[in-house]
C-alpha atoms as a PDB file:
ATOM      1  CA  MET A   1      83.183 -92.575  96.564  1.00  0.00           C
ATOM      2  CA  THR A   2      86.158 -90.897  94.871  1.00  0.00           C
ATOM      3  CA  LYS A   3      85.538 -87.462  93.351  1.00  0.00           C
ATOM      4  CA  LYS A   4      86.461 -86.973  89.704  1.00  0.00           C
ATOM      5  CA  LEU A   5      87.961 -83.995  87.863  1.00  0.00           C
ATOM      6  CA  ALA A   6      87.898 -83.801  84.064  1.00  0.00           C
ATOM      7  CA  ILE A   7      89.956 -81.134  82.297  1.00  0.00           C
ATOM      8  CA  ILE A   8      90.026 -80.210  78.614  1.00  0.00           C
ATOM      9  CA  ALA A   9      93.339 -78.512  77.719  1.00  0.00           C
ATOM     10  CA  THR A  10      93.187 -76.591  74.436  1.00  0.00           C
ATOM     11  CA  LYS A  11      96.012 -74.045  74.696  1.00  0.00           C
ATOM     12  CA  GLY A  12      99.688 -74.665  73.980  1.00  0.00           C
ATOM     13  CA  THR A  13     101.503 -71.595  75.273  1.00  0.00           C
ATOM     14  CA  LEU A  14     103.725 -71.288  78.326  1.00  0.00           C
ATOM     15  CA  ASP A  15     101.201 -69.292  80.345  1.00  0.00           C
ATOM     16  CA  TRP A  16      98.221 -71.474  79.393  1.00  0.00           C
ATOM     17  CA  GLY A  17     100.159 -74.651  80.181  1.00  0.00           C
ATOM     18  CA  TYR A  18     100.150 -74.021  83.916  1.00  0.00           C
ATOM     19  CA  PRO A  19      96.417 -74.139  84.754  1.00  0.00           C
ATOM     20  CA  PRO A  20      95.702 -77.736  83.641  1.00  0.00           C
ATOM     21  CA  PHE A  21      98.818 -79.142  85.350  1.00  0.00           C
ATOM     22  CA  ILE A  22      98.396 -77.157  88.567  1.00  0.00           C
ATOM     23  CA  LEU A  23      94.712 -78.013  88.859  1.00  0.00           C
ATOM     24  CA  ALA A  24      95.258 -81.674  87.949  1.00  0.00           C
ATOM     25  CA  SER A  25      98.159 -82.195  90.374  1.00  0.00           C
ATOM     26  CA  THR A  26      96.315 -80.394  93.188  1.00  0.00           C
ATOM     27  CA  ALA A  27      93.141 -82.414  92.662  1.00  0.00           C
ATOM     28  CA  ALA A  28      95.142 -85.660  92.559  1.00  0.00           C
ATOM     29  CA  ALA A  29      96.859 -84.682  95.825  1.00  0.00           C
ATOM     30  CA  LEU A  30      93.392 -84.138  97.321  1.00  0.00           C
ATOM     31  CA  GLY A  31      92.367 -87.654  96.303  1.00  0.00           C
ATOM     32  CA  TYR A  32      90.479 -86.924  93.086  1.00  0.00           C
ATOM     33  CA  ASP A  33      90.559 -89.259  90.108  1.00  0.00           C
ATOM     34  CA  VAL A  34      91.788 -86.923  87.328  1.00  0.00           C
ATOM     35  CA  GLN A  35      91.850 -87.058  83.546  1.00  0.00           C
ATOM     36  CA  VAL A  36      93.097 -84.376  81.175  1.00  0.00           C
ATOM     37  CA  PHE A  37      92.045 -84.402  77.524  1.00  0.00           C
ATOM     38  CA  PHE A  38      94.581 -82.536  75.368  1.00  0.00           C
ATOM     39  CA  THR A  39      93.186 -81.332  72.066  1.00  0.00           C
ATOM     40  CA  PHE A  40      94.245 -78.943  69.320  1.00  0.00           C
ATOM     41  CA  TYR A  41      97.045 -76.667  70.579  1.00  0.00           C
ATOM     42  CA  GLY A  42      96.907 -78.243  74.032  1.00  0.00           C
ATOM     43  CA  LEU A  43      98.777 -81.199  72.509  1.00  0.00           C
ATOM     44  CA  GLN A  44     101.934 -79.062  72.692  1.00  0.00           C
ATOM     45  CA  LEU A  45     101.880 -79.730  76.456  1.00  0.00           C
ATOM     46  CA  LEU A  46     102.439 -83.439  75.833  1.00  0.00           C
ATOM     47  CA  LYS A  47     105.464 -83.094  73.570  1.00  0.00           C
ATOM     48  CA  LYS A  48     108.833 -84.360  74.796  1.00  0.00           C
ATOM     49  CA  ASP A  49     110.366 -81.073  73.689  1.00  0.00           C
ATOM     50  CA  MET A  50     108.070 -78.574  75.359  1.00  0.00           C
ATOM     51  CA  ASN A  51     109.581 -75.372  73.945  1.00  0.00           C
ATOM     52  CA  LEU A  52     106.618 -73.115  74.675  1.00  0.00           C
ATOM     53  CA  GLN A  53     106.397 -69.355  74.289  1.00  0.00           C
ATOM     54  CA  VAL A  54     104.248 -66.673  75.882  1.00  0.00           C
ATOM     55  CA  THR A  55     102.754 -63.703  74.090  1.00  0.00           C
ATOM     56  CA  SER A  56     100.784 -60.703  75.218  1.00  0.00           C
ATOM     57  CA  LEU A  57      98.999 -60.467  71.865  1.00  0.00           C
ATOM     58  CA  GLY A  58      95.362 -61.339  72.415  1.00  0.00           C
ATOM     59  CA  ASN A  59      95.955 -61.273  76.179  1.00  0.00           C
ATOM     60  CA  PRO A  60      95.247 -57.710  77.325  1.00  0.00           C
ATOM     61  CA  GLY A  61      95.237 -58.748  80.980  1.00  0.00           C
ATOM     62  CA  MET A  62      98.908 -59.746  80.909  1.00  0.00           C
ATOM     63  CA  PRO A  63     100.872 -57.460  83.239  1.00  0.00           C
ATOM     64  CA  MET A  64     103.729 -55.762  81.423  1.00  0.00           C
ATOM     65  CA  PRO A  65     106.719 -54.220  83.210  1.00  0.00           C
ATOM     66  CA  MET A  66     106.043 -51.040  81.250  1.00  0.00           C
ATOM     67  CA  PRO A  67     103.191 -49.892  79.006  1.00  0.00           C
ATOM     68  CA  MET A  68     103.818 -51.160  75.496  1.00  0.00           C
ATOM     69  CA  PRO A  69     101.731 -50.485  72.383  1.00  0.00           C
ATOM     70  CA  VAL A  70     100.397 -53.589  70.635  1.00  0.00           C
ATOM     71  CA  LEU A  71     102.407 -52.722  67.521  1.00  0.00           C
ATOM     72  CA  LEU A  72     105.661 -53.010  69.491  1.00  0.00           C
ATOM     73  CA  GLN A  73     104.540 -56.312  71.018  1.00  0.00           C
ATOM     74  CA  ALA A  74     104.207 -57.746  67.512  1.00  0.00           C
ATOM     75  CA  LEU A  75     107.817 -56.974  66.524  1.00  0.00           C
ATOM     76  CA  PRO A  76     110.154 -59.914  65.859  1.00  0.00           C
ATOM     77  CA  GLY A  77     111.924 -61.025  69.023  1.00  0.00           C
ATOM     78  CA  MET A  78     109.354 -59.600  71.428  1.00  0.00           C
ATOM     79  CA  GLN A  79     107.702 -62.976  72.055  1.00  0.00           C
ATOM     80  CA  ALA A  80     111.063 -64.563  72.885  1.00  0.00           C
ATOM     81  CA  MET A  81     111.905 -61.652  75.185  1.00  0.00           C
ATOM     82  CA  MET A  82     108.550 -61.902  76.985  1.00  0.00           C
ATOM     83  CA  THR A  83     108.982 -65.679  77.339  1.00  0.00           C
ATOM     84  CA  THR A  84     112.446 -65.233  78.881  1.00  0.00           C
ATOM     85  CA  MET A  85     111.090 -62.583  81.262  1.00  0.00           C
ATOM     86  CA  MET A  86     108.183 -64.837  82.308  1.00  0.00           C
ATOM     87  CA  LYS A  87     110.457 -67.833  82.924  1.00  0.00           C
ATOM     88  CA  LYS A  88     112.819 -65.711  85.048  1.00  0.00           C
ATOM     89  CA  LYS A  89     109.908 -64.277  87.032  1.00  0.00           C
ATOM     90  CA  MET A  90     108.496 -67.747  87.692  1.00  0.00           C
ATOM     91  CA  ALA A  91     111.882 -69.135  88.734  1.00  0.00           C
ATOM     92  CA  SER A  92     112.463 -66.190  91.086  1.00  0.00           C
ATOM     93  CA  LYS A  93     109.097 -66.899  92.755  1.00  0.00           C
ATOM     94  CA  GLY A  94     109.784 -70.628  93.089  1.00  0.00           C
ATOM     95  CA  VAL A  95     107.178 -71.721  90.539  1.00  0.00           C
ATOM     96  CA  ALA A  96     107.924 -75.191  89.173  1.00  0.00           C
ATOM     97  CA  ASP A  97     108.481 -75.411  85.434  1.00  0.00           C
ATOM     98  CA  LEU A  98     105.906 -77.140  83.245  1.00  0.00           C
ATOM     99  CA  ALA A  99     107.924 -80.319  82.770  1.00  0.00           C
ATOM    100  CA  GLU A 100     108.111 -80.743  86.563  1.00  0.00           C
ATOM    101  CA  LEU A 101     104.384 -80.151  86.971  1.00  0.00           C
ATOM    102  CA  ARG A 102     103.637 -82.587  84.169  1.00  0.00           C
ATOM    103  CA  SER A 103     105.810 -85.232  85.862  1.00  0.00           C
ATOM    104  CA  LEU A 104     104.068 -84.587  89.191  1.00  0.00           C
ATOM    105  CA  CYS A 105     100.753 -85.258  87.488  1.00  0.00           C
ATOM    106  CA  GLN A 106     101.989 -88.514  86.013  1.00  0.00           C
ATOM    107  CA  GLU A 107     103.431 -89.629  89.347  1.00  0.00           C
ATOM    108  CA  ALA A 108     100.025 -88.909  90.920  1.00  0.00           C
ATOM    109  CA  ASP A 109      98.293 -91.121  88.306  1.00  0.00           C
ATOM    110  CA  VAL A 110      96.622 -88.290  86.408  1.00  0.00           C
ATOM    111  CA  LYS A 111      95.498 -89.813  83.128  1.00  0.00           C
ATOM    112  CA  PHE A 112      96.565 -87.878  80.009  1.00  0.00           C
ATOM    113  CA  ILE A 113      94.546 -88.432  76.841  1.00  0.00           C
ATOM    114  CA  ALA A 114      95.795 -87.030  73.529  1.00  0.00           C
ATOM    115  CA  CYS A 115      93.020 -86.297  71.047  1.00  0.00           C
ATOM    116  CA  GLN A 116      93.584 -88.790  68.239  1.00  0.00           C
ATOM    117  CA  MET A 117      91.613 -86.667  65.746  1.00  0.00           C
ATOM    118  CA  THR A 118      93.887 -83.667  66.352  1.00  0.00           C
ATOM    119  CA  VAL A 119      97.039 -85.809  66.188  1.00  0.00           C
ATOM    120  CA  ASP A 120      95.845 -87.042  62.789  1.00  0.00           C
ATOM    121  CA  LEU A 121      94.694 -83.589  61.652  1.00  0.00           C
ATOM    122  CA  PHE A 122      98.074 -81.977  62.308  1.00  0.00           C
ATOM    123  CA  GLU A 123      99.963 -85.098  61.121  1.00  0.00           C
ATOM    124  CA  MET A 124     101.813 -85.429  64.414  1.00  0.00           C
ATOM    125  CA  GLU A 125     103.780 -88.546  65.262  1.00  0.00           C
ATOM    126  CA  THR A 126     103.381 -90.389  68.548  1.00  0.00           C
ATOM    127  CA  LYS A 127     107.177 -90.409  68.998  1.00  0.00           C
ATOM    128  CA  GLU A 128     106.951 -86.614  69.554  1.00  0.00           C
ATOM    129  CA  PHE A 129     104.977 -87.191  72.751  1.00  0.00           C
ATOM    130  CA  ILE A 130     105.973 -88.257  76.250  1.00  0.00           C
ATOM    131  CA  ASP A 131     105.440 -91.831  77.373  1.00  0.00           C
ATOM    132  CA  GLY A 132     102.464 -92.894  79.442  1.00  0.00           C
ATOM    133  CA  ILE A 133      99.694 -91.111  77.565  1.00  0.00           C
ATOM    134  CA  GLU A 134      96.637 -92.572  75.899  1.00  0.00           C
ATOM    135  CA  TYR A 135      95.152 -91.674  72.541  1.00  0.00           C
ATOM    136  CA  GLY A 136      91.424 -91.369  72.074  1.00  0.00           C
ATOM    137  CA  GLY A 137      88.621 -89.245  70.818  1.00  0.00           C
ATOM    138  CA  ALA A 138      85.941 -87.172  72.437  1.00  0.00           C
ATOM    139  CA  ALA A 139      83.899 -90.305  73.196  1.00  0.00           C
ATOM    140  CA  THR A 140      86.809 -91.686  75.221  1.00  0.00           C
ATOM    141  CA  PHE A 141      86.929 -88.505  77.261  1.00  0.00           C
ATOM    142  CA  PHE A 142      83.147 -88.357  77.744  1.00  0.00           C
ATOM    143  CA  GLU A 143      83.148 -91.800  79.356  1.00  0.00           C
ATOM    144  CA  PHE A 144      85.009 -90.177  82.255  1.00  0.00           C
ATOM    145  CA  ALA A 145      83.767 -86.570  82.007  1.00  0.00           C
ATOM    146  CA  GLY A 146      80.135 -87.655  81.969  1.00  0.00           C
ATOM    147  CA  GLU A 147      80.548 -88.975  85.505  1.00  0.00           C
ATOM    148  CA  SER A 148      82.931 -86.307  86.785  1.00  0.00           C
ATOM    149  CA  ASP A 149      82.133 -84.015  89.714  1.00  0.00           C
ATOM    150  CA  VAL A 150      84.000 -81.129  88.101  1.00  0.00           C
ATOM    151  CA  CYS A 151      84.721 -80.519  84.407  1.00  0.00           C
ATOM    152  CA  LEU A 152      86.954 -77.624  83.331  1.00  0.00           C
ATOM    153  CA  PHE A 153      87.685 -76.235  79.875  1.00  0.00           C
ATOM    154  CA  ILE A 154      91.064 -74.483  79.698  1.00  0.00           C
END
């Protein structure tokens, strides 16, 4: 019997975009049946234009190249600078970008479900999202998650 992995993706920043795609693509490569439910800010990961940022605010565990007071981190332009630094670091270490990981997931038949309630709540349009995703509510996700071997909330 095929193992199942259910993931709930709730974050829409560059750094929080990696865990659901890495875990989903790895599980699919290991033969798992995988579904990812994208809700609230996690919907940013399904947009065609995935222009995501990273911020250290609210993330005290983020390694900084030099100690930096929180007040400085909040200055205009700091988020863009940290995002550029993170992207360069990832590229230098051979880490695939999020669009590549997302495509890998789709090629491996990972099912992406966009939370219809959140799409409606934030008045998003389906044309903003990539092709090949489904729209559904929590009940749609629970049909799969209720029988999954592993369920992760990210």
